[in-house]
Amino acid sequence: MISDQEKNAGRVALITGSTSGIGKAIALQLANDGFTIVFHSRSSVIEGESLASTSPNAAYIQADLSDQVQAKRLVSDTLSKYGRLDVLVNNAGINVSIPHGSLKEASPEIWRDLYEVNVIAPWTLIAEAEQALRKASTQECPASIINISSHAGVRPKGASIPYAASKSALNHITQLLALTLSPDIRVNAIAPGLVDTPMTESWIEAHKLWKEKSPMKRGAKPSEIAHTASMLVSSSYLTGEIILSDGGLNLT
């Protein structure tokens, strides 16, 4: 029986926002699965280059995804280096905390900034990568796109209404593209709740909520989200799914 490492040898995965947290865990998991990895970040260049140096044939590319030119260049530089792309993981995103009742605080500028990175950038990356993904796709191993969403895009929750709305838009794009790009490219999303990362260490109330209310009594580890991503990539059938990964909090 062919191992994952053998099956994925020579296949290329680009993971945005992959120098820390969920993105880093997904990149390392896919590297362990045999993929050649393209690490990406907006600013943590040293960490990105260090990660790339520890994975076989990996690369690091810096790009600010709020800039359309740089977003397009991220894909073109990947294709220039490797000549193919099999998996695109849209993990990079931004957030802002605004009380849901503070409508004026959620300014048009905040809406635009969040949509630029959380919605428009993934769309641009997918559009730029489409032909390469189609070319790499086979019936046994269809190309794969995974969008990292949020439980806030599924339920009326989240750090702010603009953030939640941006993730809801990403979910709908996921399902629309699953229809549009099939059968060559499968498109799925993962919608995590609380995930234990350096960014969430200070989220005392969120940790308390998950400990008291969620069936699993805790937030997720980044490696657990990465495991779900690996499963979606390895599937040759699943598409259009938005996998809510919140330890069952949505049931309460």
C-alpha atoms as a PDB file:
ATOM      1  CA  MET A   1       0.000   0.000   0.000  1.00  0.00           C
ATOM      2  CA  ILE A   2       1.295   3.453  -0.957  1.00  0.00           C
ATOM      3  CA  SER A   3       2.016   5.713   2.036  1.00  0.00           C
ATOM      4  CA  ASP A   4       0.871   9.338   2.246  1.00  0.00           C
ATOM      5  CA  GLN A   5       4.471  10.459   1.878  1.00  0.00           C
ATOM      6  CA  GLU A   6       4.850   8.490  -1.344  1.00  0.00           C
ATOM      7  CA  LYS A   7       1.463   9.591  -2.709  1.00  0.00           C
ATOM      8  CA  ASN A   8       2.174  13.258  -2.037  1.00  0.00           C
ATOM      9  CA  ALA A   9       5.801  13.339  -3.146  1.00  0.00           C
ATOM     10  CA  GLY A  10       6.272  16.286  -5.476  1.00  0.00           C
ATOM     11  CA  ARG A  11       2.879  17.806  -4.669  1.00  0.00           C
ATOM     12  CA  VAL A  12       2.909  21.421  -3.508  1.00  0.00           C
ATOM     13  CA  ALA A  13       0.820  23.097  -0.795  1.00  0.00           C
ATOM     14  CA  LEU A  14       0.643  26.849  -0.176  1.00  0.00           C
ATOM     15  CA  ILE A  15      -0.568  27.808   3.305  1.00  0.00           C
ATOM     16  CA  THR A  16      -1.110  31.501   4.006  1.00  0.00           C
ATOM     17  CA  GLY A  17      -0.383  32.857   7.463  1.00  0.00           C
ATOM     18  CA  SER A  18       1.703  29.801   8.252  1.00  0.00           C
ATOM     19  CA  THR A  19       4.463  31.007  10.569  1.00  0.00           C
ATOM     20  CA  SER A  20       2.390  30.619  13.755  1.00  0.00           C
ATOM     21  CA  GLY A  21      -0.813  29.216  15.214  1.00  0.00           C
ATOM     22  CA  ILE A  22      -3.231  27.230  13.077  1.00  0.00           C
ATOM     23  CA  GLY A  23      -1.448  27.954   9.806  1.00  0.00           C
ATOM     24  CA  LYS A  24       1.898  26.736  11.109  1.00  0.00           C
ATOM     25  CA  ALA A  25       0.319  23.548  12.462  1.00  0.00           C
ATOM     26  CA  ILE A  26      -1.364  22.856   9.103  1.00  0.00           C
ATOM     27  CA  ALA A  27       1.861  23.496   7.185  1.00  0.00           C
ATOM     28  CA  LEU A  28       3.859  21.145   9.413  1.00  0.00           C
ATOM     29  CA  GLN A  29       1.148  18.477   9.206  1.00  0.00           C
ATOM     30  CA  LEU A  30       1.059  18.629   5.398  1.00  0.00           C
ATOM     31  CA  ALA A  31       4.862  18.526   5.326  1.00  0.00           C
ATOM     32  CA  ASN A  32       4.657  15.363   7.416  1.00  0.00           C
ATOM     33  CA  ASP A  33       2.114  14.062   4.898  1.00  0.00           C
ATOM     34  CA  GLY A  34       4.757  14.400   2.182  1.00  0.00           C
ATOM     35  CA  PHE A  35       3.871  17.745   0.593  1.00  0.00           C
ATOM     36  CA  THR A  36       6.365  20.368  -0.460  1.00  0.00           C
ATOM     37  CA  ILE A  37       5.336  23.419   1.576  1.00  0.00           C
ATOM     38  CA  VAL A  38       5.222  27.119   0.765  1.00  0.00           C
ATOM     39  CA  PHE A  39       5.180  29.038   4.036  1.00  0.00           C
ATOM     40  CA  HIS A  40       3.811  32.571   4.025  1.00  0.00           C
ATOM     41  CA  SER A  41       3.385  35.533   6.349  1.00  0.00           C
ATOM     42  CA  ARG A  42       2.958  39.276   6.157  1.00  0.00           C
ATOM     43  CA  SER A  43       5.860  40.201   8.434  1.00  0.00           C
ATOM     44  CA  SER A  44       7.506  37.327  10.362  1.00  0.00           C
ATOM     45  CA  VAL A  45      10.197  36.746   7.752  1.00  0.00           C
ATOM     46  CA  ILE A  46      12.841  35.232  10.039  1.00  0.00           C
ATOM     47  CA  GLU A  47      10.401  32.659  11.433  1.00  0.00           C
ATOM     48  CA  GLY A  48       9.171  31.836   7.933  1.00  0.00           C
ATOM     49  CA  GLU A  49      12.652  31.295   6.571  1.00  0.00           C
ATOM     50  CA  SER A  50      13.536  29.177   9.597  1.00  0.00           C
ATOM     51  CA  LEU A  51      10.478  26.965   9.102  1.00  0.00           C
ATOM     52  CA  ALA A  52      11.217  26.571   5.407  1.00  0.00           C
ATOM     53  CA  SER A  53      14.784  25.512   6.189  1.00  0.00           C
ATOM     54  CA  THR A  54      13.544  22.604   8.316  1.00  0.00           C
ATOM     55  CA  SER A  55      11.164  21.116   5.713  1.00  0.00           C
ATOM     56  CA  PRO A  56      12.375  19.279   2.585  1.00  0.00           C
ATOM     57  CA  ASN A  57      12.389  21.539  -0.502  1.00  0.00           C
ATOM     58  CA  ALA A  58      10.134  24.082   1.276  1.00  0.00           C
ATOM     59  CA  ALA A  59      10.068  27.810   0.581  1.00  0.00           C
ATOM     60  CA  TYR A  60       8.995  30.966   2.367  1.00  0.00           C
ATOM     61  CA  ILE A  61       7.343  33.892   0.568  1.00  0.00           C
ATOM     62  CA  GLN A  62       6.475  37.186   2.240  1.00  0.00           C
ATOM     63  CA  ALA A  63       3.360  39.048   1.084  1.00  0.00           C
ATOM     64  CA  ASP A  64       0.867  41.527   2.495  1.00  0.00           C
ATOM     65  CA  LEU A  65      -2.474  40.077   1.409  1.00  0.00           C
ATOM     66  CA  SER A  66      -4.252  43.400   1.856  1.00  0.00           C
ATOM     67  CA  ASP A  67      -2.367  44.409  -1.304  1.00  0.00           C
ATOM     68  CA  GLN A  68      -3.785  42.775  -4.440  1.00  0.00           C
ATOM     69  CA  VAL A  69      -0.460  42.995  -6.260  1.00  0.00           C
ATOM     70  CA  GLN A  70       1.331  41.131  -3.489  1.00  0.00           C
ATOM     71  CA  ALA A  71      -1.466  38.547  -3.207  1.00  0.00           C
ATOM     72  CA  LYS A  72      -1.175  37.757  -6.914  1.00  0.00           C
ATOM     73  CA  ARG A  73       2.609  37.653  -6.653  1.00  0.00           C
ATOM     74  CA  LEU A  74       2.376  35.047  -3.879  1.00  0.00           C
ATOM     75  CA  VAL A  75       0.777  32.624  -6.322  1.00  0.00           C
ATOM     76  CA  SER A  76       2.990  33.532  -9.280  1.00  0.00           C
ATOM     77  CA  ASP A  77       6.171  33.166  -7.185  1.00  0.00           C
ATOM     78  CA  THR A  78       4.982  29.749  -5.980  1.00  0.00           C
ATOM     79  CA  LEU A  79       4.361  28.616  -9.553  1.00  0.00           C
ATOM     80  CA  SER A  80       7.672  30.072 -10.747  1.00  0.00           C
ATOM     81  CA  LYS A  81       9.557  28.062  -8.130  1.00  0.00           C
ATOM     82  CA  TYR A  82       7.692  24.755  -8.315  1.00  0.00           C
ATOM     83  CA  GLY A  83       5.725  24.792 -11.570  1.00  0.00           C
ATOM     84  CA  ARG A  84       2.616  23.399  -9.912  1.00  0.00           C
ATOM     85  CA  LEU A  85       0.171  23.838  -7.047  1.00  0.00           C
ATOM     86  CA  ASP A  86      -1.982  21.065  -5.582  1.00  0.00           C
ATOM     87  CA  VAL A  87      -3.320  22.520  -2.331  1.00  0.00           C
ATOM     88  CA  LEU A  88      -4.191  26.071  -1.282  1.00  0.00           C
ATOM     89  CA  VAL A  89      -5.009  26.775   2.358  1.00  0.00           C
ATOM     90  CA  ASN A  90      -6.405  30.258   2.963  1.00  0.00           C
ATOM     91  CA  ASN A  91      -5.556  30.621   6.624  1.00  0.00           C
ATOM     92  CA  ALA A  92      -4.352  34.234   6.893  1.00  0.00           C
ATOM     93  CA  GLY A  93      -6.926  36.558   8.388  1.00  0.00           C
ATOM     94  CA  ILE A  94      -7.358  39.577  10.618  1.00  0.00           C
ATOM     95  CA  ASN A  95      -9.744  40.325  13.462  1.00  0.00           C
ATOM     96  CA  VAL A  96     -10.901  43.293  15.505  1.00  0.00           C
ATOM     97  CA  SER A  97     -12.780  43.325  18.815  1.00  0.00           C
ATOM     98  CA  ILE A  98     -15.809  45.620  18.893  1.00  0.00           C
ATOM     99  CA  PRO A  99     -18.887  45.176  21.122  1.00  0.00           C
ATOM    100  CA  HIS A 100     -21.763  44.119  18.905  1.00  0.00           C
ATOM    101  CA  GLY A 101     -23.890  46.993  20.162  1.00  0.00           C
ATOM    102  CA  SER A 102     -21.293  49.653  19.291  1.00  0.00           C
ATOM    103  CA  LEU A 103     -22.461  50.167  15.715  1.00  0.00           C
ATOM    104  CA  LYS A 104     -20.622  53.405  15.003  1.00  0.00           C
ATOM    105  CA  GLU A 105     -17.358  51.936  16.262  1.00  0.00           C
ATOM    106  CA  ALA A 106     -17.570  49.381  13.448  1.00  0.00           C
ATOM    107  CA  SER A 107     -16.592  51.983  10.884  1.00  0.00           C
ATOM    108  CA  PRO A 108     -16.612  51.534   7.093  1.00  0.00           C
ATOM    109  CA  GLU A 109     -12.798  51.500   7.226  1.00  0.00           C
ATOM    110  CA  ILE A 110     -12.848  48.514   9.596  1.00  0.00           C
ATOM    111  CA  TRP A 111     -15.351  46.704   7.366  1.00  0.00           C
ATOM    112  CA  ARG A 112     -13.153  47.320   4.323  1.00  0.00           C
ATOM    113  CA  ASP A 113      -9.947  46.224   6.062  1.00  0.00           C
ATOM    114  CA  LEU A 114     -11.505  42.974   7.282  1.00  0.00           C
ATOM    115  CA  TYR A 115     -13.090  42.147   3.941  1.00  0.00           C
ATOM    116  CA  GLU A 116      -9.874  42.931   2.070  1.00  0.00           C
ATOM    117  CA  VAL A 117      -7.914  40.264   3.956  1.00  0.00           C
ATOM    118  CA  ASN A 118     -10.615  37.789   5.019  1.00  0.00           C
ATOM    119  CA  VAL A 119     -12.699  37.681   1.836  1.00  0.00           C
ATOM    120  CA  ILE A 120     -11.108  39.420  -1.149  1.00  0.00           C
ATOM    121  CA  ALA A 121      -7.586  38.052  -0.636  1.00  0.00           C
ATOM    122  CA  PRO A 122      -8.735  34.392  -0.530  1.00  0.00           C
ATOM    123  CA  TRP A 123     -10.838  35.053  -3.631  1.00  0.00           C
ATOM    124  CA  THR A 124      -7.843  36.566  -5.438  1.00  0.00           C
ATOM    125  CA  LEU A 125      -5.552  33.692  -4.457  1.00  0.00           C
ATOM    126  CA  ILE A 126      -8.103  31.129  -5.633  1.00  0.00           C
ATOM    127  CA  ALA A 127      -8.657  32.944  -8.920  1.00  0.00           C
ATOM    128  CA  GLU A 128      -4.925  33.203  -9.551  1.00  0.00           C
ATOM    129  CA  ALA A 129      -4.330  29.559  -8.585  1.00  0.00           C
ATOM    130  CA  GLU A 130      -7.312  28.024 -10.388  1.00  0.00           C
ATOM    131  CA  GLN A 131      -5.601  26.952 -13.601  1.00  0.00           C
ATOM    132  CA  ALA A 132      -2.585  25.488 -11.789  1.00  0.00           C
ATOM    133  CA  LEU A 133      -4.855  23.597  -9.410  1.00  0.00           C
ATOM    134  CA  ARG A 134      -6.892  22.213 -12.330  1.00  0.00           C
ATOM    135  CA  LYS A 135      -3.708  21.153 -14.119  1.00  0.00           C
ATOM    136  CA  ALA A 136      -2.391  19.318 -11.040  1.00  0.00           C
ATOM    137  CA  SER A 137      -5.702  17.605 -10.318  1.00  0.00           C
ATOM    138  CA  THR A 138      -6.301  13.924 -11.003  1.00  0.00           C
ATOM    139  CA  GLN A 139      -9.329  11.748 -10.363  1.00  0.00           C
ATOM    140  CA  GLU A 140      -7.447   9.932  -7.607  1.00  0.00           C
ATOM    141  CA  CYS A 141      -6.080  13.162  -6.077  1.00  0.00           C
ATOM    142  CA  PRO A 142      -8.275  16.157  -6.927  1.00  0.00           C
ATOM    143  CA  ALA A 143      -6.767  19.521  -6.095  1.00  0.00           C
ATOM    144  CA  SER A 144      -7.903  20.969  -2.787  1.00  0.00           C
ATOM    145  CA  ILE A 145      -8.720  24.392  -1.377  1.00  0.00           C
ATOM    146  CA  ILE A 146      -9.320  24.826   2.349  1.00  0.00           C
ATOM    147  CA  ASN A 147     -10.589  28.117   3.736  1.00  0.00           C
ATOM    148  CA  ILE A 148     -10.037  28.691   7.448  1.00  0.00           C
ATOM    149  CA  SER A 149     -13.220  30.321   8.643  1.00  0.00           C
ATOM    150  CA  SER A 150     -14.605  30.667  12.182  1.00  0.00           C
ATOM    151  CA  HIS A 151     -17.509  29.483  14.290  1.00  0.00           C
ATOM    152  CA  ALA A 152     -18.461  33.185  14.222  1.00  0.00           C
ATOM    153  CA  GLY A 153     -19.299  32.755  10.547  1.00  0.00           C
ATOM    154  CA  VAL A 154     -21.779  29.991  11.395  1.00  0.00           C
ATOM    155  CA  ARG A 155     -23.391  31.296  14.585  1.00  0.00           C
ATOM    156  CA  PRO A 156     -24.229  34.895  15.619  1.00  0.00           C
ATOM    157  CA  LYS A 157     -21.067  35.204  17.727  1.00  0.00           C
ATOM    158  CA  GLY A 158     -17.579  36.635  17.340  1.00  0.00           C
ATOM    159  CA  ALA A 159     -15.252  39.443  18.383  1.00  0.00           C
ATOM    160  CA  SER A 160     -17.114  41.885  16.148  1.00  0.00           C
ATOM    161  CA  ILE A 161     -19.986  41.893  13.686  1.00  0.00           C
ATOM    162  CA  PRO A 162     -17.744  42.875  10.727  1.00  0.00           C
ATOM    163  CA  TYR A 163     -15.405  39.956  11.513  1.00  0.00           C
ATOM    164  CA  ALA A 164     -18.270  37.474  11.829  1.00  0.00           C
ATOM    165  CA  ALA A 165     -19.818  38.726   8.599  1.00  0.00           C
ATOM    166  CA  SER A 166     -16.499  38.369   6.760  1.00  0.00           C
ATOM    167  CA  LYS A 167     -16.218  34.735   7.847  1.00  0.00           C
ATOM    168  CA  SER A 168     -19.843  34.077   6.915  1.00  0.00           C
ATOM    169  CA  ALA A 169     -19.059  35.449   3.460  1.00  0.00           C
ATOM    170  CA  LEU A 170     -16.036  33.150   3.243  1.00  0.00           C
ATOM    171  CA  ASN A 171     -18.248  30.175   4.106  1.00  0.00           C
ATOM    172  CA  HIS A 172     -20.700  31.039   1.331  1.00  0.00           C
ATOM    173  CA  ILE A 173     -17.860  31.514  -1.152  1.00  0.00           C
ATOM    174  CA  THR A 174     -16.590  28.070  -0.143  1.00  0.00           C
ATOM    175  CA  GLN A 175     -19.874  26.411  -1.066  1.00  0.00           C
ATOM    176  CA  LEU A 176     -20.371  28.418  -4.255  1.00  0.00           C
ATOM    177  CA  LEU A 177     -16.867  27.546  -5.457  1.00  0.00           C
ATOM    178  CA  ALA A 178     -17.321  23.889  -4.521  1.00  0.00           C
ATOM    179  CA  LEU A 179     -20.061  23.871  -7.152  1.00  0.00           C
ATOM    180  CA  THR A 180     -18.213  26.024  -9.661  1.00  0.00           C
ATOM    181  CA  LEU A 181     -14.782  24.365  -9.550  1.00  0.00           C
ATOM    182  CA  SER A 182     -15.893  20.732  -9.315  1.00  0.00           C
ATOM    183  CA  PRO A 183     -14.879  18.044 -10.006  1.00  0.00           C
ATOM    184  CA  ASP A 184     -11.253  19.105 -10.550  1.00  0.00           C
ATOM    185  CA  ILE A 185     -10.958  21.198  -7.387  1.00  0.00           C
ATOM    186  CA  ARG A 186     -12.569  20.418  -4.055  1.00  0.00           C
ATOM    187  CA  VAL A 187     -13.333  23.406  -1.818  1.00  0.00           C
ATOM    188  CA  ASN A 188     -13.983  23.044   1.911  1.00  0.00           C
ATOM    189  CA  ALA A 189     -13.764  25.171   5.042  1.00  0.00           C
ATOM    190  CA  ILE A 190     -12.876  24.616   8.677  1.00  0.00           C
ATOM    191  CA  ALA A 191     -14.653  26.839  11.195  1.00  0.00           C
ATOM    192  CA  PRO A 192     -12.744  26.687  14.487  1.00  0.00           C
ATOM    193  CA  GLY A 193     -13.971  28.029  17.784  1.00  0.00           C
ATOM    194  CA  LEU A 194     -11.403  28.774  20.472  1.00  0.00           C
ATOM    195  CA  VAL A 195      -7.941  27.474  19.558  1.00  0.00           C
ATOM    196  CA  ASP A 196      -5.036  27.545  21.996  1.00  0.00           C
ATOM    197  CA  THR A 197      -2.506  29.860  20.366  1.00  0.00           C
ATOM    198  CA  PRO A 198      -0.305  32.675  21.716  1.00  0.00           C
ATOM    199  CA  MET A 199      -2.916  35.144  20.449  1.00  0.00           C
ATOM    200  CA  THR A 200      -5.711  33.601  22.548  1.00  0.00           C
ATOM    201  CA  GLU A 201      -3.766  33.182  25.805  1.00  0.00           C
ATOM    202  CA  SER A 202      -5.261  36.400  27.204  1.00  0.00           C
ATOM    203  CA  TRP A 203      -8.848  35.560  26.193  1.00  0.00           C
ATOM    204  CA  ILE A 204      -9.864  34.699  29.758  1.00  0.00           C
ATOM    205  CA  GLU A 205     -13.620  34.804  29.187  1.00  0.00           C
ATOM    206  CA  ALA A 206     -13.402  32.601  26.081  1.00  0.00           C
ATOM    207  CA  HIS A 207     -11.357  29.971  27.913  1.00  0.00           C
ATOM    208  CA  LYS A 208     -13.867  30.061  30.762  1.00  0.00           C
ATOM    209  CA  LEU A 209     -16.773  29.671  28.334  1.00  0.00           C
ATOM    210  CA  TRP A 210     -15.258  26.649  26.598  1.00  0.00           C
ATOM    211  CA  LYS A 211     -14.291  25.025  29.894  1.00  0.00           C
ATOM    212  CA  GLU A 212     -17.758  25.464  31.376  1.00  0.00           C
ATOM    213  CA  LYS A 213     -20.074  25.071  28.385  1.00  0.00           C
ATOM    214  CA  SER A 214     -18.453  23.005  25.638  1.00  0.00           C
ATOM    215  CA  PRO A 215     -18.804  19.214  25.783  1.00  0.00           C
ATOM    216  CA  MET A 216     -15.025  18.847  25.341  1.00  0.00           C
ATOM    217  CA  LYS A 217     -14.394  21.340  28.196  1.00  0.00           C
ATOM    218  CA  ARG A 218     -11.533  23.108  26.374  1.00  0.00           C
ATOM    219  CA  GLY A 219     -10.419  24.875  23.244  1.00  0.00           C
ATOM    220  CA  ALA A 220      -8.754  23.061  20.376  1.00  0.00           C
ATOM    221  CA  LYS A 221      -5.048  22.542  19.930  1.00  0.00           C
ATOM    222  CA  PRO A 222      -3.682  23.842  16.591  1.00  0.00           C
ATOM    223  CA  SER A 223      -2.623  20.280  15.788  1.00  0.00           C
ATOM    224  CA  GLU A 224      -6.255  19.162  16.041  1.00  0.00           C
ATOM    225  CA  ILE A 225      -7.326  21.715  13.420  1.00  0.00           C
ATOM    226  CA  ALA A 226      -4.363  20.604  11.314  1.00  0.00           C
ATOM    227  CA  HIS A 227      -5.535  16.995  11.554  1.00  0.00           C
ATOM    228  CA  THR A 228      -8.903  18.037  10.095  1.00  0.00           C
ATOM    229  CA  ALA A 229      -7.130  19.899   7.296  1.00  0.00           C
ATOM    230  CA  SER A 230      -5.034  16.825   6.525  1.00  0.00           C
ATOM    231  CA  MET A 231      -8.184  14.716   6.342  1.00  0.00           C
ATOM    232  CA  LEU A 232      -9.824  17.146   3.929  1.00  0.00           C
ATOM    233  CA  VAL A 233      -6.741  17.227   1.719  1.00  0.00           C
ATOM    234  CA  SER A 234      -6.434  13.438   1.665  1.00  0.00           C
ATOM    235  CA  SER A 235     -10.092  12.962   0.721  1.00  0.00           C
ATOM    236  CA  SER A 236     -10.908  12.504  -2.941  1.00  0.00           C
ATOM    237  CA  TYR A 237     -14.614  13.114  -2.411  1.00  0.00           C
ATOM    238  CA  LEU A 238     -15.548  15.700   0.232  1.00  0.00           C
ATOM    239  CA  THR A 239     -16.400  19.151  -1.101  1.00  0.00           C
ATOM    240  CA  GLY A 240     -18.557  22.086  -0.027  1.00  0.00           C
ATOM    241  CA  GLU A 241     -18.237  21.164   3.643  1.00  0.00           C
ATOM    242  CA  ILE A 242     -17.877  23.703   6.448  1.00  0.00           C
ATOM    243  CA  ILE A 243     -16.571  21.707   9.378  1.00  0.00           C
ATOM    244  CA  LEU A 244     -17.457  23.376  12.659  1.00  0.00           C
ATOM    245  CA  SER A 245     -14.592  22.603  15.055  1.00  0.00           C
ATOM    246  CA  ASP A 246     -15.656  24.088  18.371  1.00  0.00           C
ATOM    247  CA  GLY A 247     -15.612  21.093  20.724  1.00  0.00           C
ATOM    248  CA  GLY A 248     -19.386  20.928  20.582  1.00  0.00           C
ATOM    249  CA  LEU A 249     -20.003  24.413  22.001  1.00  0.00           C
ATOM    250  CA  ASN A 250     -22.635  24.971  19.306  1.00  0.00           C
ATOM    251  CA  LEU A 251     -24.735  22.219  20.875  1.00  0.00           C
ATOM    252  CA  THR A 252     -25.210  24.160  24.099  1.00  0.00           C
END
